[in-house]
Amino acid sequence: MEQYADLYFISDVEIMRRIGRKLRTIRLNSNITREELQRITGIHKKTIGDLESGKNVTMATFIAVLRGLQILEHAEEMLKDDGPSPVMIAKLQGKIPQRAR
């Protein structure tokens, strides 16, 4: 977590710009034009350009572009099931069966 500490000191807009630049680099390195990505994803090329410029786009657009660039695995960490929260465990305390009847 410490390696990402500097992210807390930059603005949301700057984070969006950095993500957009990274997506643009990945797209260009994959030799995919915005028009081709539009055809693959159904997302208008202007919206793809907005994302690459760091403008605020919907989460659905972001996911569609990740899928279109075949880098959806970058979102995998956010999709992991972390199990019940400590609050949920505390609420269930005493209600969890200890043995079968």
C-alpha atoms as a PDB file:
ATOM      1  CA  MET A   1       0.000   0.000   0.000  1.00  0.00           C
ATOM      2  CA  GLU A   2       2.889   2.324   0.756  1.00  0.00           C
ATOM      3  CA  GLN A   3       3.986   2.329  -2.889  1.00  0.00           C
ATOM      4  CA  TYR A   4       0.670   3.956  -3.794  1.00  0.00           C
ATOM      5  CA  ALA A   5       0.788   6.542  -1.004  1.00  0.00           C
ATOM      6  CA  ASP A   6       1.594   9.334  -3.458  1.00  0.00           C
ATOM      7  CA  LEU A   7      -1.787   8.727  -5.135  1.00  0.00           C
ATOM      8  CA  TYR A   8      -3.450  10.224  -2.074  1.00  0.00           C
ATOM      9  CA  PHE A   9      -1.627  13.493  -2.652  1.00  0.00           C
ATOM     10  CA  ILE A  10      -2.719  14.053  -6.251  1.00  0.00           C
ATOM     11  CA  SER A  11      -6.139  15.133  -7.432  1.00  0.00           C
ATOM     12  CA  ASP A  12      -8.815  12.870  -8.860  1.00  0.00           C
ATOM     13  CA  VAL A  13      -8.479  14.757 -12.147  1.00  0.00           C
ATOM     14  CA  GLU A  14      -4.750  13.961 -12.293  1.00  0.00           C
ATOM     15  CA  ILE A  15      -5.437  10.279 -11.581  1.00  0.00           C
ATOM     16  CA  MET A  16      -7.976  10.241 -14.435  1.00  0.00           C
ATOM     17  CA  ARG A  17      -5.413  11.889 -16.729  1.00  0.00           C
ATOM     18  CA  ARG A  18      -2.775   9.294 -15.848  1.00  0.00           C
ATOM     19  CA  ILE A  19      -5.191   6.415 -16.419  1.00  0.00           C
ATOM     20  CA  GLY A  20      -6.270   7.968 -19.727  1.00  0.00           C
ATOM     21  CA  ARG A  21      -2.665   8.355 -20.895  1.00  0.00           C
ATOM     22  CA  LYS A  22      -1.962   4.738 -19.949  1.00  0.00           C
ATOM     23  CA  LEU A  23      -5.014   3.509 -21.872  1.00  0.00           C
ATOM     24  CA  ARG A  24      -3.956   5.547 -24.900  1.00  0.00           C
ATOM     25  CA  THR A  25      -0.449   4.076 -24.734  1.00  0.00           C
ATOM     26  CA  ILE A  26      -1.848   0.549 -24.495  1.00  0.00           C
ATOM     27  CA  ARG A  27      -4.175   1.203 -27.438  1.00  0.00           C
ATOM     28  CA  LEU A  28      -1.385   2.619 -29.587  1.00  0.00           C
ATOM     29  CA  ASN A  29       1.035  -0.172 -28.629  1.00  0.00           C
ATOM     30  CA  SER A  30      -1.677  -2.628 -29.677  1.00  0.00           C
ATOM     31  CA  ASN A  31      -1.904  -0.761 -32.998  1.00  0.00           C
ATOM     32  CA  ILE A  32      -5.622  -0.091 -32.529  1.00  0.00           C
ATOM     33  CA  THR A  33      -7.166   3.134 -33.802  1.00  0.00           C
ATOM     34  CA  ARG A  34      -9.998   4.878 -31.974  1.00  0.00           C
ATOM     35  CA  GLU A  35     -12.259   3.905 -34.861  1.00  0.00           C
ATOM     36  CA  GLU A  36     -11.349   0.232 -34.430  1.00  0.00           C
ATOM     37  CA  LEU A  37     -11.890   0.440 -30.676  1.00  0.00           C
ATOM     38  CA  GLN A  38     -15.259   2.077 -31.363  1.00  0.00           C
ATOM     39  CA  ARG A  39     -16.198  -0.859 -33.598  1.00  0.00           C
ATOM     40  CA  ILE A  40     -15.066  -3.378 -30.956  1.00  0.00           C
ATOM     41  CA  THR A  41     -16.719  -1.710 -27.963  1.00  0.00           C
ATOM     42  CA  GLY A  42     -19.638   0.252 -29.366  1.00  0.00           C
ATOM     43  CA  ILE A  43     -18.257   3.312 -27.551  1.00  0.00           C
ATOM     44  CA  HIS A  44     -18.062   6.427 -29.754  1.00  0.00           C
ATOM     45  CA  LYS A  45     -14.513   7.423 -30.683  1.00  0.00           C
ATOM     46  CA  LYS A  46     -15.036  10.881 -29.152  1.00  0.00           C
ATOM     47  CA  THR A  47     -15.907   9.260 -25.830  1.00  0.00           C
ATOM     48  CA  ILE A  48     -12.795   7.079 -26.128  1.00  0.00           C
ATOM     49  CA  GLY A  49     -10.829  10.276 -26.720  1.00  0.00           C
ATOM     50  CA  ASP A  50     -12.457  11.839 -23.659  1.00  0.00           C
ATOM     51  CA  LEU A  51     -11.393   8.847 -21.559  1.00  0.00           C
ATOM     52  CA  GLU A  52      -7.847   9.038 -22.903  1.00  0.00           C
ATOM     53  CA  SER A  53      -7.773  12.759 -22.106  1.00  0.00           C
ATOM     54  CA  GLY A  54      -8.747  12.118 -18.516  1.00  0.00           C
ATOM     55  CA  LYS A  55     -12.280  13.429 -18.751  1.00  0.00           C
ATOM     56  CA  ASN A  56     -14.964  11.986 -16.526  1.00  0.00           C
ATOM     57  CA  VAL A  57     -16.699   9.065 -18.263  1.00  0.00           C
ATOM     58  CA  THR A  58     -18.998   6.377 -16.942  1.00  0.00           C
ATOM     59  CA  MET A  59     -17.724   3.238 -15.265  1.00  0.00           C
ATOM     60  CA  ALA A  60     -19.472   1.228 -18.003  1.00  0.00           C
ATOM     61  CA  THR A  61     -17.429   3.070 -20.644  1.00  0.00           C
ATOM     62  CA  PHE A  62     -14.213   2.431 -18.721  1.00  0.00           C
ATOM     63  CA  ILE A  63     -14.984  -1.291 -18.403  1.00  0.00           C
ATOM     64  CA  ALA A  64     -15.959  -1.557 -22.078  1.00  0.00           C
ATOM     65  CA  VAL A  65     -12.636  -0.004 -23.110  1.00  0.00           C
ATOM     66  CA  LEU A  66     -10.688  -2.334 -20.789  1.00  0.00           C
ATOM     67  CA  ARG A  67     -12.550  -5.258 -22.361  1.00  0.00           C
ATOM     68  CA  GLY A  68     -11.987  -3.928 -25.887  1.00  0.00           C
ATOM     69  CA  LEU A  69      -8.253  -3.558 -25.268  1.00  0.00           C
ATOM     70  CA  GLN A  70      -8.265  -7.048 -23.702  1.00  0.00           C
ATOM     71  CA  ILE A  71      -6.861  -5.754 -20.409  1.00  0.00           C
ATOM     72  CA  LEU A  72      -9.903  -6.395 -18.238  1.00  0.00           C
ATOM     73  CA  GLU A  73      -7.714  -8.430 -15.884  1.00  0.00           C
ATOM     74  CA  HIS A  74      -6.404  -5.100 -14.544  1.00  0.00           C
ATOM     75  CA  ALA A  75      -9.748  -4.739 -12.752  1.00  0.00           C
ATOM     76  CA  GLU A  76      -9.467  -8.205 -11.192  1.00  0.00           C
ATOM     77  CA  GLU A  77      -8.197  -6.960  -7.820  1.00  0.00           C
ATOM     78  CA  MET A  78     -11.376  -4.929  -7.377  1.00  0.00           C
ATOM     79  CA  LEU A  79     -13.519  -7.987  -8.166  1.00  0.00           C
ATOM     80  CA  LYS A  80     -12.055 -10.301  -5.536  1.00  0.00           C
ATOM     81  CA  ASP A  81     -14.462 -11.468  -2.864  1.00  0.00           C
ATOM     82  CA  ASP A  82     -12.964 -10.443   0.460  1.00  0.00           C
ATOM     83  CA  GLY A  83     -15.484 -12.435   2.482  1.00  0.00           C
ATOM     84  CA  PRO A  84     -17.668 -10.995   5.213  1.00  0.00           C
ATOM     85  CA  SER A  85     -16.695  -7.663   6.708  1.00  0.00           C
ATOM     86  CA  PRO A  86     -15.683  -7.392  10.379  1.00  0.00           C
ATOM     87  CA  VAL A  87     -18.980  -5.575  11.035  1.00  0.00           C
ATOM     88  CA  MET A  88     -20.968  -8.427   9.477  1.00  0.00           C
ATOM     89  CA  ILE A  89     -19.015 -10.999  11.496  1.00  0.00           C
ATOM     90  CA  ALA A  90     -19.764  -9.071  14.707  1.00  0.00           C
ATOM     91  CA  LYS A  91     -23.486  -8.934  13.827  1.00  0.00           C
ATOM     92  CA  LEU A  92     -23.561 -12.671  13.189  1.00  0.00           C
ATOM     93  CA  GLN A  93     -21.635 -13.534  16.350  1.00  0.00           C
ATOM     94  CA  GLY A  94     -23.595 -16.094  18.319  1.00  0.00           C
ATOM     95  CA  LYS A  95     -25.898 -16.782  15.388  1.00  0.00           C
ATOM     96  CA  ILE A  96     -23.482 -19.045  13.522  1.00  0.00           C
ATOM     97  CA  PRO A  97     -24.373 -22.699  14.123  1.00  0.00           C
ATOM     98  CA  GLN A  98     -21.628 -24.436  16.065  1.00  0.00           C
ATOM     99  CA  ARG A  99     -22.840 -27.997  15.347  1.00  0.00           C
ATOM    100  CA  ALA A 100     -25.436 -29.871  13.343  1.00  0.00           C
ATOM    101  CA  ARG A 101     -28.600 -30.979  15.144  1.00  0.00           C
END
